[in-house]
C-alpha atoms as a PDB file:
ATOM      1  CA  ALA A   1     101.129 -78.706  21.985  1.00  0.00           C
ATOM      2  CA  ILE A   2     104.596 -78.530  20.874  1.00  0.00           C
ATOM      3  CA  ARG A   3     104.020 -78.895  17.392  1.00  0.00           C
ATOM      4  CA  LYS A   4     102.053 -75.027  18.153  1.00  0.00           C
ATOM      5  CA  THR A   5     104.861 -73.818  20.564  1.00  0.00           C
ATOM      6  CA  LEU A   6     107.660 -74.948  18.043  1.00  0.00           C
ATOM      7  CA  GLY A   7     106.067 -74.622  14.707  1.00  0.00           C
ATOM      8  CA  GLU A   8     105.573 -77.260  11.726  1.00  0.00           C
ATOM      9  CA  SER A   9     109.186 -77.134  10.300  1.00  0.00           C
ATOM     10  CA  CYS A  10     110.180 -78.613  13.806  1.00  0.00           C
ATOM     11  CA  ARG A  11     111.175 -82.125  13.817  1.00  0.00           C
ATOM     12  CA  ILE A  12     109.097 -84.059  16.573  1.00  0.00           C
ATOM     13  CA  GLU A  13     110.767 -87.342  17.634  1.00  0.00           C
ATOM     14  CA  PRO A  14     109.061 -89.414  20.593  1.00  0.00           C
ATOM     15  CA  LEU A  15     111.977 -90.061  22.857  1.00  0.00           C
ATOM     16  CA  LEU A  16     110.657 -92.512  25.260  1.00  0.00           C
ATOM     17  CA  VAL A  17     106.642 -92.887  26.795  1.00  0.00           C
ATOM     18  CA  HIS A  18     106.472 -94.553  29.729  1.00  0.00           C
ATOM     19  CA  GLY A  19     103.341 -94.217  31.591  1.00  0.00           C
ATOM     20  CA  CYS A  20     100.242 -91.647  31.406  1.00  0.00           C
ATOM     21  CA  ASN A  21     100.086 -89.766  34.446  1.00  0.00           C
ATOM     22  CA  ARG A  22     102.113 -91.457  37.146  1.00  0.00           C
ATOM     23  CA  GLN A  23     105.595 -91.665  38.448  1.00  0.00           C
ATOM     24  CA  VAL A  24     108.420 -92.508  36.399  1.00  0.00           C
ATOM     25  CA  CYS A  25     110.312 -92.118  38.579  1.00  0.00           C
ATOM     26  CA  ARG A  26     112.170 -94.703  41.122  1.00  0.00           C
ATOM     27  CA  HIS A  27     112.135 -91.923  43.825  1.00  0.00           C
ATOM     28  CA  GLY A  28     110.237 -89.428  42.749  1.00  0.00           C
ATOM     29  CA  GLN A  29     112.205 -86.614  42.016  1.00  0.00           C
ATOM     30  CA  ILE A  30     112.052 -84.287  38.701  1.00  0.00           C
ATOM     31  CA  THR A  31     115.078 -84.764  36.273  1.00  0.00           C
ATOM     32  CA  TRP A  32     116.330 -82.298  33.134  1.00  0.00           C
ATOM     33  CA  ILE A  33     117.304 -84.044  29.810  1.00  0.00           C
ATOM     34  CA  GLU A  34     118.631 -81.783  27.365  1.00  0.00           C
ATOM     35  CA  PRO A  35     117.985 -84.787  24.085  1.00  0.00           C
ATOM     36  CA  PHE A  36     119.416 -81.114  21.914  1.00  0.00           C
ATOM     37  CA  PRO A  37     121.144 -78.511  22.338  1.00  0.00           C
ATOM     38  CA  GLY A  38     118.645 -75.423  23.578  1.00  0.00           C
ATOM     39  CA  ILE A  39     115.985 -78.020  24.304  1.00  0.00           C
ATOM     40  CA  HIS A  40     114.971 -79.291  27.830  1.00  0.00           C
ATOM     41  CA  VAL A  41     112.587 -81.350  28.421  1.00  0.00           C
ATOM     42  CA  GLN A  42     110.849 -82.093  32.359  1.00  0.00           C
ATOM     43  CA  TYR A  43     110.136 -85.445  33.498  1.00  0.00           C
ATOM     44  CA  GLY A  44     109.410 -87.426  36.895  1.00  0.00           C
ATOM     45  CA  ALA A  45     107.905 -87.173  39.374  1.00  0.00           C
ATOM     46  CA  ALA A  46     105.757 -83.878  37.665  1.00  0.00           C
ATOM     47  CA  GLY A  47     105.655 -85.416  35.266  1.00  0.00           C
ATOM     48  CA  GLY A  48     107.242 -83.704  31.589  1.00  0.00           C
ATOM     49  CA  GLY A  49     107.126 -82.043  28.487  1.00  0.00           C
ATOM     50  CA  LEU A  50     106.069 -78.536  27.966  1.00  0.00           C
ATOM     51  CA  THR A  51     105.810 -76.796  31.542  1.00  0.00           C
ATOM     52  CA  ARG A  52     108.307 -73.814  32.550  1.00  0.00           C
ATOM     53  CA  ALA A  53     112.693 -73.666  32.415  1.00  0.00           C
ATOM     54  CA  PRO A  54     114.367 -75.385  34.378  1.00  0.00           C
ATOM     55  CA  ASP A  55     115.942 -72.790  37.402  1.00  0.00           C
ATOM     56  CA  PHE A  56     119.482 -74.160  36.069  1.00  0.00           C
ATOM     57  CA  VAL A  57     118.778 -72.281  32.301  1.00  0.00           C
ATOM     58  CA  ALA A  58     116.292 -69.446  33.770  1.00  0.00           C
ATOM     59  CA  ARG A  59     119.364 -68.070  35.986  1.00  0.00           C
ATOM     60  CA  LEU A  60     121.750 -68.646  32.690  1.00  0.00           C
ATOM     61  CA  THR A  61     119.093 -66.305  30.687  1.00  0.00           C
ATOM     62  CA  SER A  62     118.124 -63.468  33.211  1.00  0.00           C
ATOM     63  CA  HIS A  63     122.444 -63.164  33.561  1.00  0.00           C
ATOM     64  CA  SER A  64     122.507 -62.867  29.676  1.00  0.00           C
ATOM     65  CA  SER A  65     119.963 -60.728  29.645  1.00  0.00           C
ATOM     66  CA  SER A  66     121.710 -58.399  31.862  1.00  0.00           C
ATOM     67  CA  SER A  67     124.942 -57.327  29.855  1.00  0.00           C
END
């Protein structure tokens, strides 16, 4: 799915894989990391991967597109 989304020329390197279909954070919250500028990855209670943009990115995008 990542390869189809980002294309063949994009270098993909796993950051960390821990567990599978399990809660992977201590208190069950969802957290975001930004390993590269503009690439946001979700991890935590809801799993991880490319699901949707975090709210803080969606707000930035909607403000910049309305200018």
